[in-house]
Amino acid sequence: MGFNDFLKKLFGNKSQRDIKEVEPYIKKIKAIFPGLEKLSNDELRARIDVVKQNLQKRVVAERERIATIKAEIENTDYDKRAPMWSEVDKLEKEIIKKLEEGLDEALPEVFAVVKETSRRFANNEEIVVTANQFDRDLAPSHDFVRIEGDKAIYQNHWMAGGNEVTWNMVHYDVQLIGGVVLHKGKIAEMATGEGKTLVATLPVFLNALTGNGVHVVTVNDYLSKRDSEWMGPLYMFHGLSVDCIDKHQPNSEARRKAYEADITFGTNNEFGFDYLRDNMAGNPQDLVQRPHNYAIVDEVDSVLIDDARTPLIISGPTPKGEDQMFEEFCPKVEELVRTQRTLVTRMLAEAKEKIASDDKKTKEEGAILLFRCFKGLPKNSALIRYLSEPGIKALMLETEAIYMEQNNRRMHEITDDLYFVIDEKNNSIDLTDKGIDAMTGKSADPEFFVLPNISEQLALLENENITPEERQIKKDEYLQNYAIKAERVHTVHQLLKAYTLFALNDQYVVIDNKVKIVDEQTGRIM
């Protein structure tokens, strides 16, 4: 037996250890579940009400202390508020810790209640309970519940995603295991047919009991709407509110209310855009999201890896939107790109000739020229075709490795002959000295496209023997000069990107005179 086999036998593998950690929860759930069958529907709902109350009791002292501190802050000088806010932060972390401990303790009973609720919906066309105010508020807008006298009658069939569904699912052990794993903040990989949508009901239900909100993140708006309607009645039967942000317009009062629900469904993009919009809000009243608490991400590999490669972009009007430098510098950039394209075309032809040589030194010279072409115009179609030939890309990568040694110490030997250098991986472009000279042309300012060292200028200014008024005038001049040059450099870089990194009908399309981004991973128009 090998040493690794011995260790596995002694300690078990990772999967076995994970299951061993979950098993005590499953045993407790299965011990509680049989006793729930004899409870009335009202008694079953009351079990969840008790859990909610016990969770809130855990943190009463901390919440009362926070309320007291916030009231005192209003009458405290600004310079003395920092320690008070630090105490609030500490108390809020303590609340989170206590609630997490409470949820862990309540998990077996809550999971068992959710399973029993699923069983009752599956076995009964109607479930009758004593109507509370939540039931009465629910009935006018939802087809699965009606009020008759003092009773609320829940049906086991309803509309979800445009189709009528009848509840016929009850949680198996594998789904209970998946629910525990998700509650612990880990990834649960479920095989097709193992009911991952039903698995999510367990940790979603449990974490929603704190009242701090749960987000269920899906990959498209059909799934978010369907799942909110499909799983919603299971949550609402126990008094948990459910909504879906994809049903409401951004920045609307309806979307804000959707975030106030105990359980909020939505797509990853809409959650992301709302987060970005909230970060640009001018006052707290404009925020739609509340503090983040707990989220479950469906198809997590797609959302956090594939979709994450495409950035979320919010566009809007800019100050002095019509007063831009693009038109001014566009002709110069066009000329510079044409010049570099001509240079790269000539170098590529020379590189091909030298690489085909039998002489080792000549072949190395060709590889250097090839790498220089790649740094100059990586999206050049002739270059791309040549790099697809057997052994050519490997040759270029060997050359790249040589010049990237010692933190790119020798990279200037490659780039000095170019007008600008493109880093395709990081989507960035830098003008070389040769490019700056070409762009500056006959300008009287040799540093027309060079950003000044503003920090050094301001530091030297502080040591000048001049009056405060003169110092302020000079400081304003330095800052204004920097701002102008920064805008100039930014404009040129953006133009260079547009001409060299972005191709029409590849990275973007123009529809109805509007530029729209193409998602490079999916091909969808954003």
Protein backbone atom coordinates (compact mmCIF):
# COMPACT_ATOMS: atom_id res chain seq x y z
CA MET A 1 0.00 0.00 0.00
CA GLY A 2 1.40 3.41 -1.02
CA PHE A 3 1.72 6.26 1.49
CA ASN A 4 -1.13 8.24 -0.17
CA ASP A 5 -3.39 5.17 -0.06
CA PHE A 6 -2.52 4.74 3.61
CA LEU A 7 -3.48 8.38 4.33
CA LYS A 8 -6.76 7.99 2.44
CA LYS A 9 -7.58 4.88 4.44
CA LEU A 10 -6.69 6.65 7.69
CA PHE A 11 -8.39 10.03 7.07
CA GLY A 12 -10.63 9.41 4.03
CA ASN A 13 -10.63 11.47 0.83
CA LYS A 14 -12.07 14.99 0.51
CA SER A 15 -15.50 13.79 -0.61
CA GLN A 16 -15.77 11.34 2.28
CA ARG A 17 -14.77 14.04 4.79
CA ASP A 18 -17.36 16.44 3.35
CA ILE A 19 -20.13 13.84 3.60
CA LYS A 20 -19.03 13.03 7.15
CA GLU A 21 -19.44 16.71 8.08
CA VAL A 22 -22.98 16.80 6.60
CA GLU A 23 -24.22 13.44 7.97
CA PRO A 24 -25.10 14.69 11.51
CA TYR A 25 -27.46 17.27 10.00
CA ILE A 26 -29.15 14.64 7.80
CA LYS A 27 -29.64 12.30 10.77
CA LYS A 28 -31.28 15.10 12.80
CA ILE A 29 -33.56 16.08 9.87
CA LYS A 30 -34.67 12.46 9.42
CA ALA A 31 -35.28 12.13 13.17
CA ILE A 32 -37.52 15.22 13.26
CA PHE A 33 -39.41 14.61 10.00
CA PRO A 34 -41.69 11.67 11.02
CA GLY A 35 -43.06 13.60 14.01
CA LEU A 36 -44.22 16.49 11.83
CA GLU A 37 -46.81 14.39 9.98
CA LYS A 38 -49.21 14.40 12.93
CA LEU A 39 -49.15 18.20 13.24
CA SER A 40 -52.03 20.25 11.87
CA ASN A 41 -51.30 22.73 9.09
CA ASP A 42 -51.52 25.59 11.59
CA GLU A 43 -49.13 23.82 13.97
CA LEU A 44 -46.67 23.21 11.12
CA ARG A 45 -46.65 26.91 10.26
CA ALA A 46 -46.29 27.78 13.96
CA ARG A 47 -42.99 25.82 14.10
CA ILE A 48 -41.47 28.28 11.61
CA ASP A 49 -42.89 31.28 13.49
CA VAL A 50 -41.09 30.06 16.62
CA VAL A 51 -37.79 29.73 14.72
CA LYS A 52 -38.15 33.31 13.44
CA GLN A 53 -38.82 34.61 16.95
CA ASN A 54 -35.88 32.72 18.44
CA LEU A 55 -33.53 34.14 15.79
CA GLN A 56 -34.60 37.70 16.58
CA LYS A 57 -34.31 37.14 20.35
CA ARG A 58 -30.64 36.24 19.90
CA VAL A 59 -29.76 39.73 18.69
CA VAL A 60 -32.15 42.00 20.63
CA ALA A 61 -29.43 43.44 22.86
CA GLU A 62 -27.10 44.25 19.93
CA ARG A 63 -29.88 45.90 17.90
CA GLU A 64 -31.02 47.99 20.86
CA ARG A 65 -27.43 49.13 21.45
CA ILE A 66 -27.04 50.08 17.75
CA ALA A 67 -30.27 52.11 17.89
CA THR A 68 -29.00 53.92 21.00
CA ILE A 69 -25.62 54.73 19.42
CA LYS A 70 -27.21 56.01 16.19
CA ALA A 71 -29.47 58.30 18.23
CA GLU A 72 -26.45 59.62 20.17
CA ILE A 73 -24.42 60.17 16.97
CA GLU A 74 -26.87 62.85 15.80
CA ASN A 75 -25.90 64.99 18.84
CA THR A 76 -22.16 64.22 18.72
CA ASP A 77 -19.41 66.35 17.13
CA TYR A 78 -18.12 64.99 13.81
CA ASP A 79 -14.57 64.46 15.10
CA LYS A 80 -15.89 62.20 17.89
CA ARG A 81 -18.16 60.00 15.75
CA ALA A 82 -15.54 57.58 14.39
CA PRO A 83 -15.32 55.39 17.55
CA MET A 84 -19.11 55.25 17.70
CA TRP A 85 -19.39 54.04 14.11
CA SER A 86 -16.65 51.49 14.83
CA GLU A 87 -18.76 50.11 17.67
CA VAL A 88 -21.78 49.92 15.35
CA ASP A 89 -19.71 47.95 12.81
CA LYS A 90 -18.53 45.60 15.55
CA LEU A 91 -22.10 45.06 16.78
CA GLU A 92 -23.39 44.39 13.25
CA LYS A 93 -20.70 41.74 12.78
CA GLU A 94 -21.73 40.20 16.10
CA ILE A 95 -25.37 40.12 14.90
CA ILE A 96 -24.34 38.28 11.73
CA LYS A 97 -22.31 35.79 13.77
CA LYS A 98 -25.17 35.11 16.20
CA LEU A 99 -27.72 34.72 13.41
CA GLU A 100 -25.42 32.27 11.59
CA GLU A 101 -25.11 30.23 14.78
CA GLY A 102 -28.89 30.32 15.19
CA LEU A 103 -29.46 29.19 11.60
CA ASP A 104 -27.05 26.27 12.04
CA GLU A 105 -28.98 25.16 15.15
CA ALA A 106 -32.35 25.58 13.43
CA LEU A 107 -31.30 23.88 10.18
CA PRO A 108 -32.53 20.32 10.98
CA GLU A 109 -35.99 21.46 12.07
CA VAL A 110 -36.41 24.00 9.24
CA PHE A 111 -35.30 21.54 6.55
CA ALA A 112 -37.68 18.93 8.00
CA VAL A 113 -40.57 21.44 7.96
CA VAL A 114 -39.83 22.39 4.33
CA LYS A 115 -39.79 18.70 3.37
CA GLU A 116 -43.09 18.08 5.21
CA THR A 117 -44.64 21.16 3.53
CA SER A 118 -43.54 19.78 0.14
CA ARG A 119 -45.09 16.43 1.01
CA ARG A 120 -48.42 18.04 1.94
CA PHE A 121 -48.52 20.08 -1.28
CA ALA A 122 -47.72 16.93 -3.27
CA ASN A 123 -50.42 14.80 -1.55
CA ASN A 124 -53.25 17.32 -1.23
CA GLU A 125 -55.01 19.45 -3.82
CA GLU A 126 -55.83 22.00 -1.09
CA ILE A 127 -54.24 22.86 2.25
CA VAL A 128 -56.45 24.75 4.69
CA VAL A 129 -55.01 27.01 7.41
CA THR A 130 -56.25 29.78 9.67
CA ALA A 131 -55.87 32.96 7.63
CA ASN A 132 -53.41 35.55 8.88
CA GLN A 133 -52.83 39.04 7.48
CA PHE A 134 -50.08 37.80 5.14
CA ASP A 135 -52.51 35.29 3.60
CA ARG A 136 -55.15 38.00 3.15
CA ASP A 137 -52.66 40.33 1.46
CA LEU A 138 -51.52 37.50 -0.80
CA ALA A 139 -54.91 36.28 -2.00
CA PRO A 140 -55.94 39.18 -4.32
CA SER A 141 -52.81 38.90 -6.48
CA HIS A 142 -51.97 35.18 -6.42
CA ASP A 143 -54.00 32.36 -7.98
CA PHE A 144 -52.98 29.58 -5.59
CA VAL A 145 -54.55 30.98 -2.40
CA ARG A 146 -58.08 32.15 -1.59
CA ILE A 147 -59.78 33.33 1.60
CA GLU A 148 -63.02 31.80 2.87
CA GLY A 149 -64.12 33.28 6.17
CA ASP A 150 -61.30 32.88 8.66
CA LYS A 151 -59.57 30.23 6.52
CA ALA A 152 -56.87 30.52 3.84
CA ILE A 153 -56.96 27.73 1.27
CA TYR A 154 -53.71 27.00 -0.60
CA GLN A 155 -53.95 24.98 -3.84
CA ASN A 156 -51.18 22.69 -5.03
CA HIS A 157 -51.31 23.96 -8.64
CA TRP A 158 -50.51 27.38 -10.04
CA MET A 159 -49.10 29.24 -13.04
CA ALA A 160 -45.29 29.31 -13.42
CA GLY A 161 -43.45 30.55 -16.48
CA GLY A 162 -46.68 30.74 -18.47
CA ASN A 163 -47.67 27.12 -17.77
CA GLU A 164 -49.79 25.53 -15.07
CA VAL A 165 -47.76 23.34 -12.73
CA THR A 166 -48.88 20.90 -10.07
CA TRP A 167 -46.57 20.43 -7.11
CA ASN A 168 -45.34 16.81 -7.03
CA MET A 169 -41.88 16.99 -5.42
CA VAL A 170 -40.60 15.89 -2.01
CA HIS A 171 -36.95 16.22 -0.93
CA TYR A 172 -34.79 13.09 -1.02
CA ASP A 173 -31.63 12.59 1.04
CA VAL A 174 -29.37 13.73 -1.82
CA GLN A 175 -31.29 17.01 -1.95
CA LEU A 176 -31.05 17.44 1.82
CA ILE A 177 -27.27 16.96 1.51
CA GLY A 178 -27.11 19.52 -1.29
CA GLY A 179 -29.12 21.96 0.82
CA VAL A 180 -26.71 21.69 3.77
CA VAL A 181 -23.73 22.19 1.43
CA LEU A 182 -25.27 25.35 -0.08
CA HIS A 183 -26.13 26.75 3.35
CA LYS A 184 -22.48 26.34 4.33
CA GLY A 185 -21.48 28.60 1.42
CA LYS A 186 -20.02 25.85 -0.74
CA ILE A 187 -20.68 24.75 -4.32
CA ALA A 188 -23.05 21.81 -4.80
CA GLU A 189 -22.75 20.03 -8.14
CA MET A 190 -25.96 18.18 -8.94
CA ALA A 191 -26.34 15.67 -11.76
CA THR A 192 -29.16 16.14 -14.27
CA GLY A 193 -32.40 14.94 -12.70
CA GLU A 194 -31.27 15.38 -9.09
CA GLY A 195 -33.57 18.38 -8.69
CA LYS A 196 -31.22 21.31 -8.11
CA THR A 197 -34.15 23.76 -8.16
CA LEU A 198 -35.78 21.87 -5.28
CA VAL A 199 -32.42 21.66 -3.45
CA ALA A 200 -32.20 25.46 -3.40
CA THR A 201 -35.54 25.77 -1.57
CA LEU A 202 -33.94 24.47 1.63
CA PRO A 203 -31.09 26.98 2.19
CA VAL A 204 -33.14 29.80 0.61
CA PHE A 205 -35.99 29.18 3.06
CA LEU A 206 -33.64 28.84 6.04
CA ASN A 207 -31.63 32.00 5.38
CA ALA A 208 -34.73 34.06 4.60
CA LEU A 209 -35.96 33.53 8.19
CA THR A 210 -33.61 36.23 9.48
CA GLY A 211 -35.52 38.88 7.49
CA ASN A 212 -32.25 40.16 5.99
CA GLY A 213 -33.07 39.04 2.46
CA VAL A 214 -31.95 36.23 0.16
CA HIS A 215 -31.01 36.58 -3.52
CA VAL A 216 -31.52 33.70 -5.95
CA VAL A 217 -29.38 34.43 -9.01
CA THR A 218 -30.22 32.80 -12.36
CA VAL A 219 -28.70 33.03 -15.83
CA ASN A 220 -31.73 34.36 -17.74
CA ASP A 221 -34.94 36.26 -17.04
CA TYR A 222 -37.22 33.35 -18.03
CA LEU A 223 -35.70 31.15 -15.32
CA SER A 224 -35.79 33.91 -12.71
CA LYS A 225 -39.51 34.59 -13.35
CA ARG A 226 -40.40 30.90 -13.66
CA ASP A 227 -38.56 29.79 -10.52
CA SER A 228 -39.97 32.66 -8.44
CA GLU A 229 -43.50 31.56 -9.47
CA TRP A 230 -42.76 27.82 -9.25
CA MET A 231 -41.09 27.74 -5.82
CA GLY A 232 -42.79 30.86 -4.43
CA PRO A 233 -45.90 29.21 -2.90
CA LEU A 234 -43.72 26.91 -0.78
CA TYR A 235 -42.11 30.00 0.80
CA MET A 236 -45.27 32.10 0.97
CA PHE A 237 -47.20 29.34 2.78
CA HIS A 238 -44.91 30.09 5.74
CA GLY A 239 -45.19 33.87 5.50
CA LEU A 240 -42.06 34.65 3.46
CA SER A 241 -42.48 37.31 0.76
CA VAL A 242 -41.17 36.56 -2.75
CA ASP A 243 -40.50 38.81 -5.76
CA CYS A 244 -38.45 38.91 -8.97
CA ILE A 245 -36.52 42.03 -10.04
CA ASP A 246 -36.77 41.08 -13.73
CA LYS A 247 -40.51 41.79 -13.58
CA HIS A 248 -39.91 45.46 -12.74
CA GLN A 249 -38.19 48.41 -14.41
CA PRO A 250 -34.76 49.53 -13.10
CA ASN A 251 -34.78 52.38 -10.57
CA SER A 252 -38.52 51.94 -10.03
CA GLU A 253 -40.34 51.78 -6.72
CA ALA A 254 -41.54 48.28 -7.67
CA ARG A 255 -37.94 47.08 -8.04
CA ARG A 256 -37.02 48.62 -4.70
CA LYS A 257 -39.90 46.69 -3.10
CA ALA A 258 -38.69 43.52 -4.82
CA TYR A 259 -35.39 43.89 -2.98
CA GLU A 260 -37.28 44.34 0.30
CA ALA A 261 -38.87 40.89 -0.12
CA ASP A 262 -37.58 38.05 2.03
CA ILE A 263 -36.58 36.17 -1.15
CA THR A 264 -35.62 38.03 -4.33
CA PHE A 265 -35.11 36.25 -7.66
CA GLY A 266 -33.26 37.83 -10.59
CA THR A 267 -30.62 37.47 -13.28
CA ASN A 268 -26.93 38.01 -12.61
CA ASN A 269 -26.80 40.98 -14.99
CA GLU A 270 -29.74 42.79 -13.38
CA PHE A 271 -28.35 42.25 -9.86
CA GLY A 272 -25.00 43.56 -11.13
CA PHE A 273 -26.44 46.61 -12.89
CA ASP A 274 -28.55 47.53 -9.85
CA TYR A 275 -25.39 47.34 -7.74
CA LEU A 276 -23.56 49.65 -10.16
CA ARG A 277 -26.48 52.09 -10.29
CA ASP A 278 -26.63 52.15 -6.49
CA ASN A 279 -22.94 53.04 -6.38
CA MET A 280 -23.67 56.06 -8.59
CA ALA A 281 -26.71 57.17 -6.56
CA GLY A 282 -26.66 60.72 -5.23
CA ASN A 283 -28.57 60.03 -1.99
CA PRO A 284 -29.78 57.02 0.04
CA GLN A 285 -33.36 57.41 -1.23
CA ASP A 286 -32.17 56.47 -4.73
CA LEU A 287 -30.79 53.09 -3.64
CA VAL A 288 -32.78 49.98 -4.60
CA GLN A 289 -30.71 47.23 -2.97
CA ARG A 290 -30.40 46.75 0.77
CA PRO A 291 -27.28 45.37 2.48
CA HIS A 292 -26.31 42.00 0.99
CA ASN A 293 -26.94 38.97 3.17
CA TYR A 294 -27.07 35.59 1.40
CA ALA A 295 -27.24 34.53 -2.25
CA ILE A 296 -27.51 31.29 -4.18
CA VAL A 297 -26.14 31.33 -7.73
CA ASP A 298 -27.62 28.90 -10.23
CA GLU A 299 -25.13 27.57 -12.82
CA VAL A 300 -22.33 29.18 -10.82
CA ASP A 301 -19.60 28.22 -13.31
CA SER A 302 -21.41 30.06 -16.09
CA VAL A 303 -22.21 33.15 -13.99
CA LEU A 304 -18.90 33.59 -12.17
CA ILE A 305 -16.53 32.42 -14.92
CA ASP A 306 -18.02 32.58 -18.42
CA ASP A 307 -20.32 35.59 -17.99
CA ALA A 308 -17.81 37.34 -15.74
CA ARG A 309 -15.47 37.76 -18.73
CA THR A 310 -17.89 40.32 -20.17
CA PRO A 311 -17.90 43.49 -18.05
CA LEU A 312 -21.12 45.22 -17.04
CA ILE A 313 -21.07 48.67 -18.63
CA ILE A 314 -23.35 51.56 -17.73
CA SER A 315 -23.34 54.41 -20.22
CA GLY A 316 -24.95 57.83 -20.02
CA PRO A 317 -24.54 61.50 -20.89
CA THR A 318 -21.21 63.09 -19.91
CA PRO A 319 -20.48 66.71 -19.03
CA LYS A 320 -19.76 68.71 -22.19
CA GLY A 321 -20.74 65.62 -24.20
CA GLU A 322 -20.50 67.46 -27.50
CA ASP A 323 -17.17 69.06 -26.63
CA GLN A 324 -14.81 66.13 -27.26
CA MET A 325 -11.27 65.84 -28.64
CA PHE A 326 -11.97 62.77 -30.77
CA GLU A 327 -12.69 64.71 -33.97
CA GLU A 328 -9.58 66.83 -33.45
CA PHE A 329 -7.18 63.88 -33.11
CA CYS A 330 -8.94 61.33 -35.32
CA PRO A 331 -7.00 62.25 -38.52
CA LYS A 332 -3.66 62.02 -36.70
CA VAL A 333 -4.50 58.65 -35.20
CA GLU A 334 -5.72 57.33 -38.56
CA GLU A 335 -2.41 58.36 -40.12
CA LEU A 336 -0.43 56.80 -37.27
CA VAL A 337 -2.33 53.50 -37.58
CA ARG A 338 -1.77 53.46 -41.36
CA THR A 339 1.93 54.08 -40.81
CA GLN A 340 2.21 51.25 -38.27
CA ARG A 341 0.20 48.90 -40.51
CA THR A 342 2.59 49.57 -43.39
CA LEU A 343 5.54 48.98 -41.05
CA VAL A 344 4.09 45.70 -39.74
CA THR A 345 3.26 44.47 -43.26
CA ARG A 346 6.84 45.06 -44.36
CA MET A 347 8.30 43.44 -41.20
CA LEU A 348 6.00 40.43 -41.53
CA ALA A 349 7.15 39.79 -45.10
CA GLU A 350 10.78 40.04 -43.94
CA ALA A 351 10.07 37.80 -40.93
CA LYS A 352 8.56 35.07 -43.13
CA GLU A 353 11.60 35.14 -45.41
CA LYS A 354 14.08 34.90 -42.53
CA ILE A 355 12.17 32.21 -40.62
CA ALA A 356 12.21 30.07 -43.76
CA SER A 357 16.03 30.26 -43.77
CA ASP A 358 18.17 27.31 -42.69
CA ASP A 359 20.59 29.64 -40.93
CA LYS A 360 19.93 29.65 -37.17
CA LYS A 361 20.87 33.31 -36.64
CA THR A 362 18.73 34.45 -39.57
CA LYS A 363 15.82 32.39 -38.23
CA GLU A 364 16.20 34.08 -34.81
CA GLU A 365 16.15 37.51 -36.49
CA GLY A 366 12.93 36.48 -38.23
CA ALA A 367 11.39 35.39 -34.92
CA ILE A 368 12.23 38.79 -33.40
CA LEU A 369 10.57 40.57 -36.33
CA LEU A 370 7.53 38.29 -35.94
CA PHE A 371 7.23 39.12 -32.24
CA ARG A 372 7.59 42.83 -33.07
CA CYS A 373 4.70 42.49 -35.54
CA PHE A 374 2.60 40.88 -32.81
CA LYS A 375 3.31 43.73 -30.37
CA GLY A 376 2.45 46.22 -33.08
CA LEU A 377 -0.76 44.81 -34.59
CA PRO A 378 -1.85 41.48 -33.01
CA LYS A 379 -5.16 41.50 -34.90
CA ASN A 380 -3.52 41.88 -38.32
CA SER A 381 -5.25 39.24 -40.47
CA ALA A 382 -2.08 38.25 -42.37
CA LEU A 383 -0.23 37.83 -39.05
CA ILE A 384 -3.05 35.71 -37.59
CA ARG A 385 -2.99 33.42 -40.63
CA TYR A 386 0.78 33.03 -40.42
CA LEU A 387 0.68 32.26 -36.69
CA SER A 388 -1.77 29.43 -37.39
CA GLU A 389 0.86 27.60 -39.44
CA PRO A 390 2.59 24.67 -37.66
CA GLY A 391 5.38 25.72 -35.29
CA ILE A 392 5.15 29.47 -35.99
CA LYS A 393 3.25 30.52 -32.85
CA ALA A 394 5.50 28.34 -30.69
CA LEU A 395 8.54 30.09 -32.20
CA MET A 396 7.06 33.49 -31.39
CA LEU A 397 6.22 32.46 -27.83
CA GLU A 398 9.82 31.28 -27.28
CA THR A 399 11.02 34.70 -28.41
CA GLU A 400 8.48 36.44 -26.17
CA ALA A 401 9.72 34.48 -23.15
CA ILE A 402 13.28 35.68 -23.75
CA TYR A 403 12.30 39.36 -23.84
CA MET A 404 9.93 39.08 -20.88
CA GLU A 405 12.70 37.84 -18.57
CA GLN A 406 13.70 40.01 -15.63
CA ASN A 407 10.43 41.96 -15.62
CA ASN A 408 10.53 42.84 -19.35
CA ARG A 409 13.99 44.38 -19.04
CA ARG A 410 14.77 43.91 -22.74
CA MET A 411 11.28 44.52 -24.10
CA HIS A 412 12.26 48.00 -25.34
CA GLU A 413 14.48 46.30 -27.93
CA ILE A 414 11.29 44.95 -29.49
CA THR A 415 9.06 48.00 -29.09
CA ASP A 416 11.38 50.95 -29.84
CA ASP A 417 10.87 50.55 -33.60
CA LEU A 418 7.08 50.68 -33.27
CA TYR A 419 4.84 53.74 -33.07
CA PHE A 420 2.61 52.19 -30.41
CA VAL A 421 2.57 48.92 -28.47
CA ILE A 422 -0.53 46.78 -27.99
CA ASP A 423 -1.11 44.48 -25.02
CA GLU A 424 -3.98 42.41 -26.38
CA LYS A 425 -4.46 40.41 -23.18
CA ASN A 426 -4.96 43.54 -21.04
CA ASN A 427 -6.71 45.46 -23.82
CA SER A 428 -4.28 48.38 -23.54
CA ILE A 429 -2.17 50.51 -25.87
CA ASP A 430 0.86 52.71 -25.19
CA LEU A 431 2.50 55.24 -27.50
CA THR A 432 6.26 54.81 -27.90
CA ASP A 433 8.66 57.75 -28.12
CA LYS A 434 8.59 57.29 -31.88
CA GLY A 435 4.79 57.44 -31.84
CA ILE A 436 4.73 60.53 -29.64
CA ASP A 437 7.12 62.29 -32.03
CA ALA A 438 4.86 61.35 -34.96
CA MET A 439 1.75 62.62 -33.17
CA THR A 440 3.42 65.81 -31.93
CA GLY A 441 4.62 66.71 -35.42
CA LYS A 442 5.45 70.39 -35.66
CA SER A 443 3.89 71.30 -32.31
CA ALA A 444 5.80 73.84 -30.27
CA ASP A 445 5.33 71.64 -27.20
CA PRO A 446 7.62 68.57 -27.43
CA GLU A 447 5.67 67.01 -24.56
CA PHE A 448 2.30 67.53 -26.23
CA PHE A 449 1.28 63.90 -25.50
CA VAL A 450 3.33 63.35 -22.35
CA LEU A 451 1.69 63.53 -18.92
CA PRO A 452 3.63 65.72 -16.48
CA ASN A 453 4.68 64.34 -13.08
CA ILE A 454 2.05 66.30 -11.18
CA SER A 455 3.02 65.04 -7.71
CA GLU A 456 6.64 66.09 -8.22
CA GLN A 457 5.57 69.50 -9.53
CA LEU A 458 3.33 70.13 -6.54
CA ALA A 459 6.03 68.96 -4.10
CA LEU A 460 8.58 71.36 -5.60
CA LEU A 461 6.01 74.15 -5.53
CA GLU A 462 5.65 73.81 -1.76
CA ASN A 463 9.36 74.61 -1.37
CA GLU A 464 9.31 77.73 -3.55
CA ASN A 465 9.76 81.03 -1.75
CA ILE A 466 6.57 82.70 -2.99
CA THR A 467 3.36 84.04 -1.46
CA PRO A 468 0.40 81.70 -0.80
CA GLU A 469 -1.57 83.51 -3.52
CA GLU A 470 1.19 82.96 -6.10
CA ARG A 471 1.52 79.34 -5.00
CA GLN A 472 -2.23 78.79 -5.50
CA ILE A 473 -2.12 80.37 -8.98
CA LYS A 474 0.76 78.09 -10.00
CA LYS A 475 -0.96 75.06 -8.49
CA ASP A 476 -4.11 75.79 -10.50
CA GLU A 477 -2.00 76.12 -13.67
CA TYR A 478 -0.28 72.78 -13.05
CA LEU A 479 -3.59 71.03 -12.37
CA GLN A 480 -5.27 72.56 -15.42
CA ASN A 481 -2.33 71.61 -17.65
CA TYR A 482 -2.40 68.06 -16.29
CA ALA A 483 -6.16 67.77 -16.84
CA ILE A 484 -5.88 68.93 -20.47
CA LYS A 485 -3.02 66.55 -21.23
CA ALA A 486 -4.71 63.66 -19.44
CA GLU A 487 -7.82 64.13 -21.59
CA ARG A 488 -5.63 64.39 -24.70
CA VAL A 489 -3.72 61.17 -23.89
CA HIS A 490 -6.95 59.35 -22.98
CA THR A 491 -8.57 60.41 -26.27
CA VAL A 492 -5.62 59.21 -28.35
CA HIS A 493 -5.49 55.88 -26.51
CA GLN A 494 -9.23 55.35 -27.01
CA LEU A 495 -8.92 56.15 -30.72
CA LEU A 496 -5.99 53.76 -31.08
CA LYS A 497 -8.04 51.01 -29.40
CA ALA A 498 -10.98 51.69 -31.71
CA TYR A 499 -8.79 51.37 -34.81
CA THR A 500 -6.69 48.38 -33.74
CA LEU A 501 -8.57 46.25 -31.16
CA PHE A 502 -12.23 46.57 -32.11
CA ALA A 503 -13.67 45.39 -35.42
CA LEU A 504 -17.16 46.10 -36.74
CA ASN A 505 -19.45 43.05 -36.55
CA ASP A 506 -16.92 41.33 -34.30
CA GLN A 507 -16.62 43.25 -31.03
CA TYR A 508 -19.50 45.62 -31.84
CA VAL A 509 -22.33 46.27 -34.29
CA VAL A 510 -24.12 49.42 -35.41
CA ILE A 511 -27.91 49.16 -35.36
CA ASP A 512 -30.23 52.16 -35.89
CA ASN A 513 -27.21 54.45 -35.73
CA LYS A 514 -26.34 53.12 -32.26
CA VAL A 515 -23.16 51.27 -31.29
CA LYS A 516 -23.93 48.04 -29.44
CA ILE A 517 -21.39 45.71 -27.84
CA VAL A 518 -21.23 42.05 -28.84
CA ASP A 519 -20.63 39.58 -26.01
CA GLU A 520 -17.52 37.72 -27.18
CA GLN A 521 -18.45 34.62 -25.13
CA THR A 522 -22.04 34.18 -26.34
CA GLY A 523 -22.28 36.34 -29.47
CA ARG A 524 -25.29 38.13 -27.99
CA ILE A 525 -25.77 41.86 -28.58
CA MET A 526 -25.56 43.67 -25.25
